[in-house]
């Protein structure tokens, strides 16, 4: 794993007995799937509610593997007032699904994989999210940032939270599809 700097509420992450980082005050177990672990993180309650509202929980409990760039509650709070409430309305399910799937990449990509791919591709590594949107990973100092098509950048605050069906990287901003 490459060293990553951390800031904000996620900075308090420590490692559990499983070797995985603690996230949102909860142990993350590598033998549980993405949803089973995420529901225990106090830092990801908005994301979990959104995943359930979009009907994506079953998918993210599937075999995968998936790489999820998981925005924290603080990341969702940075969105304009009312955005989350609007997206959680039943009539906005398609838009919510598009936003959420813009945070998921097929395959299991660790921070070490990202670092190698960034270096091998001249400082930027392009990925395609499940939504079809483009994501780009780049380094700044010892940190990895994920850029969305709208020009936003999310810093990976907690990397390599291993799951039975992939890996989660906790990020400090919501990635927005174009």
N, C-alpha and C. Protein backbone atom coordinates (compact mmCIF):
# COMPACT_ATOMS: atom_id res chain seq x y z
N UNK A 1 0.84 -1.18 0.00
CA UNK A 1 0.00 0.00 0.00
C UNK A 1 0.88 1.23 0.00
N UNK A 2 0.54 2.24 -0.81
CA UNK A 2 1.30 3.48 -0.84
C UNK A 2 0.84 4.36 0.31
N UNK A 3 1.70 5.23 0.83
CA UNK A 3 1.26 6.11 1.90
C UNK A 3 0.32 7.17 1.35
N UNK A 4 -0.74 7.39 2.05
CA UNK A 4 -1.69 8.42 1.68
C UNK A 4 -1.88 9.32 2.88
N UNK A 5 -1.99 10.60 2.65
CA UNK A 5 -2.28 11.51 3.75
C UNK A 5 -3.76 11.48 4.01
N UNK A 6 -4.14 11.78 5.22
CA UNK A 6 -5.54 11.79 5.58
C UNK A 6 -5.86 13.07 6.33
N UNK A 7 -7.07 13.54 6.16
CA UNK A 7 -7.51 14.72 6.87
C UNK A 7 -8.99 14.58 7.17
N UNK A 8 -9.49 15.41 8.03
CA UNK A 8 -10.91 15.39 8.36
C UNK A 8 -11.26 14.21 9.24
N UNK A 9 -12.56 13.88 9.31
CA UNK A 9 -13.00 12.82 10.21
C UNK A 9 -12.37 11.47 9.91
N UNK A 10 -12.02 11.26 8.69
CA UNK A 10 -11.44 9.97 8.32
C UNK A 10 -10.01 9.82 8.81
N UNK A 11 -9.37 10.92 9.21
CA UNK A 11 -7.99 10.87 9.66
C UNK A 11 -7.83 10.01 10.90
N UNK A 12 -8.90 9.84 11.64
CA UNK A 12 -8.83 9.05 12.86
C UNK A 12 -8.86 7.54 12.58
N UNK A 13 -8.79 7.17 11.34
CA UNK A 13 -8.84 5.75 11.00
C UNK A 13 -7.66 5.01 11.58
N UNK A 14 -7.94 3.88 12.16
CA UNK A 14 -6.88 3.01 12.65
C UNK A 14 -7.13 1.65 12.03
N UNK A 15 -6.23 0.75 12.26
CA UNK A 15 -6.38 -0.58 11.68
C UNK A 15 -6.98 -1.53 12.71
N UNK A 16 -7.91 -2.33 12.24
CA UNK A 16 -8.54 -3.32 13.10
C UNK A 16 -7.67 -4.58 13.14
N UNK A 17 -8.09 -5.52 13.93
CA UNK A 17 -7.36 -6.79 14.04
C UNK A 17 -7.31 -7.53 12.71
N UNK A 18 -8.22 -7.22 11.78
CA UNK A 18 -8.25 -7.88 10.48
C UNK A 18 -7.21 -7.30 9.53
N UNK A 19 -6.57 -6.20 9.91
CA UNK A 19 -5.61 -5.54 9.03
C UNK A 19 -6.26 -4.46 8.19
N UNK A 20 -7.57 -4.45 8.11
CA UNK A 20 -8.29 -3.41 7.38
C UNK A 20 -8.36 -2.15 8.24
N UNK A 21 -8.41 -0.98 7.59
CA UNK A 21 -8.61 0.24 8.38
C UNK A 21 -9.99 0.24 9.04
N UNK A 22 -10.07 0.87 10.20
CA UNK A 22 -11.36 1.14 10.82
C UNK A 22 -11.95 2.31 10.02
N UNK A 23 -13.25 2.28 9.75
CA UNK A 23 -13.88 3.34 8.99
C UNK A 23 -15.14 3.77 9.73
N UNK A 24 -15.24 5.06 10.00
CA UNK A 24 -16.42 5.56 10.70
C UNK A 24 -16.59 4.92 12.07
N UNK A 25 -15.47 4.60 12.71
CA UNK A 25 -15.51 4.01 14.04
C UNK A 25 -15.83 2.53 14.06
N UNK A 26 -15.91 1.90 12.91
CA UNK A 26 -16.28 0.49 12.85
C UNK A 26 -15.20 -0.33 12.16
N UNK A 27 -15.05 -1.55 12.62
CA UNK A 27 -14.14 -2.49 11.95
C UNK A 27 -14.73 -2.86 10.59
N UNK A 28 -13.88 -2.99 9.61
CA UNK A 28 -14.28 -3.41 8.28
C UNK A 28 -13.69 -4.80 8.06
N UNK A 29 -14.53 -5.75 7.75
CA UNK A 29 -14.11 -7.14 7.67
C UNK A 29 -13.93 -7.58 6.22
N UNK A 30 -12.76 -8.12 5.86
CA UNK A 30 -12.52 -8.52 4.47
C UNK A 30 -13.38 -9.69 4.00
N UNK A 31 -14.05 -10.39 4.94
CA UNK A 31 -14.92 -11.49 4.53
C UNK A 31 -16.38 -11.05 4.37
N UNK A 32 -16.65 -9.75 4.58
CA UNK A 32 -18.00 -9.20 4.35
C UNK A 32 -17.99 -8.41 3.06
N UNK A 33 -19.19 -8.27 2.46
CA UNK A 33 -19.25 -7.53 1.20
C UNK A 33 -19.36 -6.03 1.46
N UNK A 34 -19.34 -5.27 0.39
CA UNK A 34 -19.32 -3.81 0.45
C UNK A 34 -20.47 -3.27 1.29
N UNK A 35 -21.67 -3.73 1.06
CA UNK A 35 -22.84 -3.23 1.80
C UNK A 35 -22.79 -3.64 3.27
N UNK A 36 -22.43 -4.90 3.52
CA UNK A 36 -22.36 -5.39 4.90
C UNK A 36 -21.39 -4.57 5.75
N UNK A 37 -20.30 -4.11 5.16
CA UNK A 37 -19.34 -3.28 5.89
C UNK A 37 -19.79 -1.82 5.94
N UNK A 38 -20.25 -1.28 4.83
CA UNK A 38 -20.60 0.15 4.77
C UNK A 38 -21.69 0.53 5.76
N UNK A 39 -22.64 -0.36 6.00
CA UNK A 39 -23.73 -0.02 6.92
C UNK A 39 -23.24 0.23 8.34
N UNK A 40 -22.04 -0.21 8.68
CA UNK A 40 -21.50 -0.02 10.02
C UNK A 40 -20.69 1.25 10.19
N UNK A 41 -20.36 1.93 9.09
CA UNK A 41 -19.55 3.14 9.14
C UNK A 41 -20.41 4.36 9.44
N UNK A 42 -20.14 5.01 10.55
CA UNK A 42 -20.86 6.24 10.91
C UNK A 42 -20.55 7.38 9.95
N UNK A 43 -19.45 7.27 9.19
CA UNK A 43 -19.07 8.30 8.23
C UNK A 43 -19.73 8.13 6.86
N UNK A 44 -20.49 7.05 6.67
CA UNK A 44 -21.07 6.76 5.36
C UNK A 44 -22.57 6.51 5.40
N UNK A 45 -23.28 7.07 6.37
CA UNK A 45 -24.72 6.83 6.49
C UNK A 45 -25.49 7.43 5.31
N UNK A 46 -25.06 8.58 4.82
CA UNK A 46 -25.73 9.18 3.66
C UNK A 46 -25.55 8.30 2.43
N UNK A 47 -24.35 7.80 2.23
CA UNK A 47 -24.09 6.92 1.08
C UNK A 47 -24.93 5.65 1.17
N UNK A 48 -25.01 5.06 2.34
CA UNK A 48 -25.79 3.83 2.51
C UNK A 48 -27.26 4.11 2.22
N UNK A 49 -27.79 5.22 2.73
CA UNK A 49 -29.19 5.58 2.47
C UNK A 49 -29.42 5.77 0.97
N UNK A 50 -28.48 6.40 0.30
CA UNK A 50 -28.60 6.63 -1.14
C UNK A 50 -28.55 5.32 -1.92
N UNK A 51 -27.64 4.44 -1.53
CA UNK A 51 -27.53 3.13 -2.20
C UNK A 51 -28.84 2.36 -2.07
N UNK A 52 -29.43 2.39 -0.88
CA UNK A 52 -30.71 1.71 -0.66
C UNK A 52 -31.82 2.36 -1.48
N UNK A 53 -31.87 3.70 -1.49
CA UNK A 53 -32.91 4.41 -2.24
C UNK A 53 -32.81 4.15 -3.74
N UNK A 54 -31.59 3.97 -4.23
CA UNK A 54 -31.39 3.72 -5.67
C UNK A 54 -31.59 2.25 -6.03
N UNK A 55 -31.76 1.40 -5.02
CA UNK A 55 -31.93 -0.02 -5.30
C UNK A 55 -30.64 -0.71 -5.71
N UNK A 56 -29.50 -0.17 -5.26
CA UNK A 56 -28.20 -0.73 -5.65
C UNK A 56 -27.60 -1.65 -4.60
N UNK A 57 -28.25 -1.79 -3.46
CA UNK A 57 -27.68 -2.63 -2.39
C UNK A 57 -27.46 -4.06 -2.85
N UNK A 58 -28.42 -4.62 -3.55
CA UNK A 58 -28.29 -6.00 -4.01
C UNK A 58 -27.10 -6.15 -4.96
N UNK A 59 -26.95 -5.19 -5.87
CA UNK A 59 -25.84 -5.23 -6.81
C UNK A 59 -24.50 -5.19 -6.08
N UNK A 60 -24.38 -4.28 -5.10
CA UNK A 60 -23.11 -4.13 -4.38
C UNK A 60 -22.87 -5.24 -3.36
N UNK A 61 -23.85 -6.12 -3.21
CA UNK A 61 -23.65 -7.32 -2.40
C UNK A 61 -23.29 -8.51 -3.29
N UNK A 62 -23.30 -8.29 -4.61
CA UNK A 62 -23.00 -9.34 -5.57
C UNK A 62 -21.52 -9.70 -5.59
N UNK A 63 -21.18 -10.61 -6.49
CA UNK A 63 -19.83 -11.15 -6.56
C UNK A 63 -18.75 -10.12 -6.89
N UNK A 64 -19.10 -9.12 -7.74
CA UNK A 64 -18.09 -8.15 -8.13
C UNK A 64 -17.01 -8.81 -8.97
N UNK A 65 -15.76 -8.39 -8.83
CA UNK A 65 -15.32 -7.42 -7.85
C UNK A 65 -15.59 -5.98 -8.28
N UNK A 66 -15.72 -5.12 -7.27
CA UNK A 66 -15.97 -3.71 -7.47
C UNK A 66 -14.91 -2.89 -6.74
N UNK A 67 -14.59 -1.74 -7.30
CA UNK A 67 -13.84 -0.72 -6.59
C UNK A 67 -14.82 0.42 -6.38
N UNK A 68 -15.03 0.79 -5.11
CA UNK A 68 -15.98 1.85 -4.78
C UNK A 68 -15.21 3.02 -4.18
N UNK A 69 -15.38 4.19 -4.77
CA UNK A 69 -14.86 5.43 -4.21
C UNK A 69 -16.02 6.00 -3.40
N UNK A 70 -15.97 5.81 -2.08
CA UNK A 70 -17.12 6.05 -1.20
C UNK A 70 -17.06 7.42 -0.54
N UNK A 71 -17.94 8.34 -0.95
CA UNK A 71 -17.97 9.67 -0.32
C UNK A 71 -18.45 9.58 1.13
N UNK A 72 -17.83 10.36 1.98
CA UNK A 72 -18.25 10.44 3.38
C UNK A 72 -19.48 11.32 3.52
N UNK A 73 -20.08 11.30 4.70
CA UNK A 73 -21.20 12.20 4.98
C UNK A 73 -20.77 13.65 4.76
N UNK A 74 -19.56 13.99 5.20
CA UNK A 74 -19.05 15.36 5.03
C UNK A 74 -18.96 15.73 3.55
N UNK A 75 -18.64 14.76 2.69
CA UNK A 75 -18.59 15.01 1.25
C UNK A 75 -19.97 15.38 0.72
N UNK A 76 -20.99 14.62 1.14
CA UNK A 76 -22.35 14.92 0.70
C UNK A 76 -22.81 16.28 1.22
N UNK A 77 -22.34 16.67 2.41
CA UNK A 77 -22.72 17.97 2.98
C UNK A 77 -22.15 19.14 2.19
N UNK A 78 -21.12 18.93 1.38
CA UNK A 78 -20.53 19.98 0.55
C UNK A 78 -21.41 20.32 -0.65
N UNK A 79 -22.34 19.41 -1.00
CA UNK A 79 -23.22 19.66 -2.14
C UNK A 79 -24.17 20.81 -1.79
N UNK A 80 -24.70 21.52 -2.79
CA UNK A 80 -25.64 22.60 -2.51
C UNK A 80 -26.81 22.11 -1.64
N UNK A 81 -27.29 22.99 -0.79
CA UNK A 81 -28.39 22.66 0.12
C UNK A 81 -29.56 22.04 -0.65
N UNK A 82 -30.09 20.95 -0.12
CA UNK A 82 -31.25 20.29 -0.71
C UNK A 82 -30.93 19.25 -1.77
N UNK A 83 -29.68 19.19 -2.22
CA UNK A 83 -29.32 18.25 -3.30
C UNK A 83 -29.58 16.80 -2.89
N UNK A 84 -29.10 16.42 -1.71
CA UNK A 84 -29.25 15.03 -1.28
C UNK A 84 -30.73 14.70 -1.10
N UNK A 85 -31.48 15.59 -0.43
CA UNK A 85 -32.91 15.34 -0.24
C UNK A 85 -33.64 15.18 -1.57
N UNK A 86 -33.27 15.99 -2.54
CA UNK A 86 -33.89 15.91 -3.86
C UNK A 86 -33.55 14.58 -4.52
N UNK A 87 -32.28 14.19 -4.47
CA UNK A 87 -31.86 12.94 -5.11
C UNK A 87 -32.49 11.71 -4.46
N UNK A 88 -32.85 11.80 -3.18
CA UNK A 88 -33.43 10.66 -2.48
C UNK A 88 -34.93 10.48 -2.77
N UNK A 89 -35.54 11.42 -3.48
CA UNK A 89 -36.96 11.29 -3.83
C UNK A 89 -37.13 10.17 -4.86
N UNK A 90 -38.20 9.39 -4.73
CA UNK A 90 -38.42 8.27 -5.66
C UNK A 90 -38.38 8.66 -7.13
N UNK A 91 -38.87 9.82 -7.47
CA UNK A 91 -38.89 10.23 -8.88
C UNK A 91 -37.49 10.59 -9.40
N UNK A 92 -36.50 10.68 -8.51
CA UNK A 92 -35.13 11.01 -8.90
C UNK A 92 -34.22 9.77 -8.92
N UNK A 93 -34.82 8.58 -8.84
CA UNK A 93 -34.04 7.34 -8.73
C UNK A 93 -33.02 7.19 -9.86
N UNK A 94 -33.38 7.52 -11.09
CA UNK A 94 -32.45 7.38 -12.22
C UNK A 94 -31.25 8.32 -12.05
N UNK A 95 -31.50 9.55 -11.62
CA UNK A 95 -30.41 10.50 -11.40
C UNK A 95 -29.52 10.05 -10.25
N UNK A 96 -30.13 9.57 -9.17
CA UNK A 96 -29.38 9.08 -8.02
C UNK A 96 -28.52 7.89 -8.42
N UNK A 97 -29.07 6.98 -9.19
CA UNK A 97 -28.33 5.82 -9.66
C UNK A 97 -27.13 6.24 -10.49
N UNK A 98 -27.32 7.23 -11.36
CA UNK A 98 -26.23 7.74 -12.20
C UNK A 98 -25.10 8.31 -11.33
N UNK A 99 -25.46 9.09 -10.31
CA UNK A 99 -24.44 9.67 -9.42
C UNK A 99 -23.70 8.56 -8.67
N UNK A 100 -24.44 7.62 -8.11
CA UNK A 100 -23.80 6.56 -7.32
C UNK A 100 -22.92 5.65 -8.17
N UNK A 101 -23.39 5.27 -9.35
CA UNK A 101 -22.59 4.38 -10.19
C UNK A 101 -21.38 5.09 -10.79
N UNK A 102 -21.34 6.42 -10.70
CA UNK A 102 -20.15 7.17 -11.10
C UNK A 102 -19.03 7.01 -10.09
N UNK A 103 -19.30 6.33 -8.97
CA UNK A 103 -18.31 6.09 -7.92
C UNK A 103 -17.82 4.63 -7.92
N UNK A 104 -18.26 3.85 -8.89
CA UNK A 104 -17.96 2.42 -8.90
C UNK A 104 -17.24 2.06 -10.20
N UNK A 105 -16.14 1.32 -10.06
CA UNK A 105 -15.38 0.83 -11.20
C UNK A 105 -15.37 -0.69 -11.11
N UNK A 106 -15.56 -1.36 -12.23
CA UNK A 106 -15.48 -2.82 -12.24
C UNK A 106 -14.05 -3.26 -11.96
N UNK A 107 -13.91 -4.31 -11.17
CA UNK A 107 -12.60 -4.82 -10.82
C UNK A 107 -12.17 -4.34 -9.44
N UNK A 108 -11.11 -4.94 -8.95
CA UNK A 108 -10.57 -4.59 -7.64
C UNK A 108 -9.26 -3.84 -7.86
N UNK A 109 -9.27 -2.54 -7.59
CA UNK A 109 -8.11 -1.69 -7.82
C UNK A 109 -7.65 -1.12 -6.48
N UNK A 110 -6.53 -1.61 -5.98
CA UNK A 110 -5.98 -1.14 -4.72
C UNK A 110 -5.24 0.18 -4.94
N UNK A 111 -4.85 0.83 -3.85
CA UNK A 111 -4.08 2.07 -3.97
C UNK A 111 -2.72 1.80 -4.62
N UNK A 112 -2.15 0.62 -4.36
CA UNK A 112 -0.88 0.26 -5.01
C UNK A 112 -1.09 0.12 -6.52
N UNK A 113 -2.19 -0.52 -6.91
CA UNK A 113 -2.52 -0.64 -8.34
C UNK A 113 -2.68 0.74 -8.97
N UNK A 114 -3.41 1.62 -8.27
CA UNK A 114 -3.62 2.97 -8.78
C UNK A 114 -2.29 3.70 -8.95
N UNK A 115 -1.43 3.62 -7.93
CA UNK A 115 -0.14 4.30 -7.99
C UNK A 115 0.69 3.81 -9.17
N UNK A 116 0.72 2.49 -9.38
CA UNK A 116 1.48 1.92 -10.50
C UNK A 116 0.90 2.39 -11.84
N UNK A 117 -0.42 2.38 -11.94
CA UNK A 117 -1.06 2.77 -13.20
C UNK A 117 -0.88 4.26 -13.47
N UNK A 118 -0.93 5.07 -12.42
CA UNK A 118 -0.70 6.51 -12.57
C UNK A 118 0.71 6.74 -13.11
N UNK A 119 1.69 6.08 -12.51
CA UNK A 119 3.09 6.21 -12.94
C UNK A 119 3.28 5.71 -14.36
N UNK A 120 2.68 4.58 -14.69
CA UNK A 120 2.84 3.97 -16.02
C UNK A 120 2.17 4.78 -17.12
N UNK A 121 1.21 5.63 -16.76
CA UNK A 121 0.46 6.40 -17.76
C UNK A 121 0.76 7.89 -17.68
N UNK A 122 1.98 8.24 -17.31
CA UNK A 122 2.41 9.64 -17.36
C UNK A 122 1.78 10.54 -16.31
N UNK A 123 1.39 9.99 -15.18
CA UNK A 123 0.88 10.82 -14.09
C UNK A 123 -0.63 10.86 -13.95
N UNK A 124 -1.34 10.25 -14.89
CA UNK A 124 -2.81 10.22 -14.82
C UNK A 124 -3.29 8.86 -15.33
N UNK A 125 -4.22 8.27 -14.60
CA UNK A 125 -4.77 6.98 -15.03
C UNK A 125 -6.27 7.14 -15.23
N UNK A 126 -6.73 6.81 -16.43
CA UNK A 126 -8.15 6.94 -16.77
C UNK A 126 -8.87 5.63 -16.55
N UNK A 127 -10.06 5.75 -15.93
CA UNK A 127 -10.91 4.59 -15.66
C UNK A 127 -12.31 4.91 -16.16
N UNK A 128 -13.10 3.87 -16.36
CA UNK A 128 -14.50 4.08 -16.71
C UNK A 128 -15.36 3.57 -15.55
N UNK A 129 -16.20 4.45 -15.04
CA UNK A 129 -17.12 4.08 -13.97
C UNK A 129 -18.23 3.21 -14.55
N UNK A 130 -18.90 2.48 -13.68
CA UNK A 130 -20.03 1.63 -14.08
C UNK A 130 -21.10 2.47 -14.79
N UNK A 131 -21.21 3.75 -14.43
CA UNK A 131 -22.18 4.66 -15.05
C UNK A 131 -21.84 4.97 -16.49
N UNK A 132 -20.59 4.67 -16.90
CA UNK A 132 -20.11 5.03 -18.23
C UNK A 132 -19.29 6.30 -18.22
N UNK A 133 -19.26 6.98 -17.08
CA UNK A 133 -18.51 8.22 -16.96
C UNK A 133 -17.02 7.95 -16.79
N UNK A 134 -16.22 8.92 -17.21
CA UNK A 134 -14.78 8.82 -17.09
C UNK A 134 -14.33 9.32 -15.72
N UNK A 135 -13.41 8.58 -15.11
CA UNK A 135 -12.74 8.99 -13.88
C UNK A 135 -11.25 8.97 -14.16
N UNK A 136 -10.53 9.87 -13.52
CA UNK A 136 -9.08 9.93 -13.68
C UNK A 136 -8.44 9.96 -12.31
N UNK A 137 -7.46 9.10 -12.10
CA UNK A 137 -6.70 9.10 -10.86
C UNK A 137 -5.37 9.79 -11.10
N UNK A 138 -4.95 10.61 -10.14
CA UNK A 138 -3.67 11.31 -10.23
C UNK A 138 -3.12 11.47 -8.81
N UNK A 139 -1.82 11.65 -8.73
CA UNK A 139 -1.17 11.87 -7.44
C UNK A 139 -0.83 13.33 -7.27
N UNK A 140 -0.90 13.75 -6.02
CA UNK A 140 -0.39 15.05 -5.62
C UNK A 140 0.34 14.81 -4.31
N UNK A 141 1.65 14.88 -4.36
CA UNK A 141 2.43 14.52 -3.19
C UNK A 141 2.21 13.05 -2.88
N UNK A 142 1.84 12.76 -1.64
CA UNK A 142 1.60 11.37 -1.25
C UNK A 142 0.12 11.00 -1.33
N UNK A 143 -0.70 11.90 -1.86
CA UNK A 143 -2.15 11.66 -1.93
C UNK A 143 -2.58 11.27 -3.34
N UNK A 144 -3.65 10.49 -3.40
CA UNK A 144 -4.28 10.15 -4.67
C UNK A 144 -5.61 10.89 -4.73
N UNK A 145 -5.87 11.49 -5.88
CA UNK A 145 -7.14 12.18 -6.12
C UNK A 145 -7.85 11.49 -7.28
N UNK A 146 -9.16 11.47 -7.20
CA UNK A 146 -10.00 10.94 -8.27
C UNK A 146 -10.75 12.12 -8.85
N UNK A 147 -10.61 12.33 -10.16
CA UNK A 147 -11.25 13.45 -10.85
C UNK A 147 -12.45 12.93 -11.64
N UNK A 148 -13.55 13.69 -11.59
CA UNK A 148 -14.74 13.33 -12.36
C UNK A 148 -14.77 14.13 -13.66
N UNK A 149 -15.75 13.84 -14.51
CA UNK A 149 -15.87 14.53 -15.81
C UNK A 149 -16.25 15.99 -15.67
N UNK A 150 -16.77 16.37 -14.51
CA UNK A 150 -17.18 17.76 -14.29
C UNK A 150 -16.03 18.62 -13.76
N UNK A 151 -14.86 18.01 -13.58
CA UNK A 151 -13.70 18.76 -13.11
C UNK A 151 -13.51 18.71 -11.60
N UNK A 152 -14.39 18.03 -10.90
CA UNK A 152 -14.25 17.90 -9.45
C UNK A 152 -13.17 16.91 -9.10
N UNK A 153 -12.58 17.09 -7.92
CA UNK A 153 -11.53 16.20 -7.45
C UNK A 153 -11.86 15.74 -6.04
N UNK A 154 -11.75 14.45 -5.80
CA UNK A 154 -11.98 13.87 -4.48
C UNK A 154 -10.68 13.23 -4.01
N UNK A 155 -10.27 13.57 -2.81
CA UNK A 155 -9.06 13.00 -2.23
C UNK A 155 -9.38 11.67 -1.56
N UNK A 156 -8.56 10.67 -1.83
CA UNK A 156 -8.69 9.39 -1.15
C UNK A 156 -8.18 9.59 0.28
N UNK A 157 -9.09 9.48 1.24
CA UNK A 157 -8.72 9.69 2.64
C UNK A 157 -8.37 8.39 3.35
N UNK A 158 -9.10 7.33 3.05
CA UNK A 158 -8.81 6.01 3.59
C UNK A 158 -8.79 5.05 2.41
N UNK A 159 -7.64 4.44 2.17
CA UNK A 159 -7.48 3.55 1.02
C UNK A 159 -7.51 2.09 1.46
N UNK A 160 -7.83 1.24 0.51
CA UNK A 160 -7.65 -0.20 0.66
C UNK A 160 -8.45 -0.83 1.79
N UNK A 161 -9.73 -0.53 1.83
CA UNK A 161 -10.62 -1.21 2.77
C UNK A 161 -11.13 -2.44 2.01
N UNK A 162 -10.48 -3.57 2.27
CA UNK A 162 -10.76 -4.79 1.51
C UNK A 162 -12.11 -5.39 1.89
N UNK A 163 -12.80 -5.87 0.87
CA UNK A 163 -14.12 -6.48 1.00
C UNK A 163 -14.09 -7.85 0.34
N UNK A 164 -15.08 -8.68 0.63
CA UNK A 164 -15.14 -9.99 -0.02
C UNK A 164 -15.40 -9.86 -1.52
N UNK A 165 -15.97 -8.73 -1.94
CA UNK A 165 -16.29 -8.53 -3.35
C UNK A 165 -15.64 -7.27 -3.94
N UNK A 166 -14.50 -6.88 -3.39
CA UNK A 166 -13.79 -5.74 -3.95
C UNK A 166 -13.05 -4.94 -2.91
N UNK A 167 -12.99 -3.63 -3.15
CA UNK A 167 -12.25 -2.72 -2.27
C UNK A 167 -12.98 -1.37 -2.23
N UNK A 168 -12.93 -0.74 -1.07
CA UNK A 168 -13.49 0.61 -0.90
C UNK A 168 -12.35 1.56 -0.62
N UNK A 169 -12.42 2.74 -1.24
CA UNK A 169 -11.54 3.86 -0.93
C UNK A 169 -12.47 5.00 -0.49
N UNK A 170 -12.34 5.45 0.74
CA UNK A 170 -13.17 6.53 1.25
C UNK A 170 -12.65 7.86 0.72
N UNK A 171 -13.54 8.69 0.16
CA UNK A 171 -13.15 9.96 -0.45
C UNK A 171 -13.86 11.14 0.19
N UNK A 172 -13.30 12.34 0.01
CA UNK A 172 -13.81 13.52 0.69
C UNK A 172 -14.71 14.41 -0.16
N UNK A 173 -15.07 13.99 -1.34
CA UNK A 173 -16.00 14.75 -2.20
C UNK A 173 -16.84 13.78 -3.00
N UNK A 174 -17.99 14.26 -3.44
CA UNK A 174 -18.88 13.46 -4.29
C UNK A 174 -18.46 13.66 -5.73
N UNK A 175 -18.27 12.56 -6.45
CA UNK A 175 -17.94 12.61 -7.87
C UNK A 175 -19.23 12.83 -8.65
N UNK A 176 -19.21 13.77 -9.57
CA UNK A 176 -20.44 14.11 -10.30
C UNK A 176 -20.31 13.75 -11.78
N UNK A 177 -21.30 13.00 -12.27
CA UNK A 177 -21.29 12.71 -13.72
C UNK A 177 -21.58 13.98 -14.50
N UNK A 178 -21.16 14.00 -15.74
CA UNK A 178 -21.38 15.19 -16.57
C UNK A 178 -22.80 15.25 -17.07
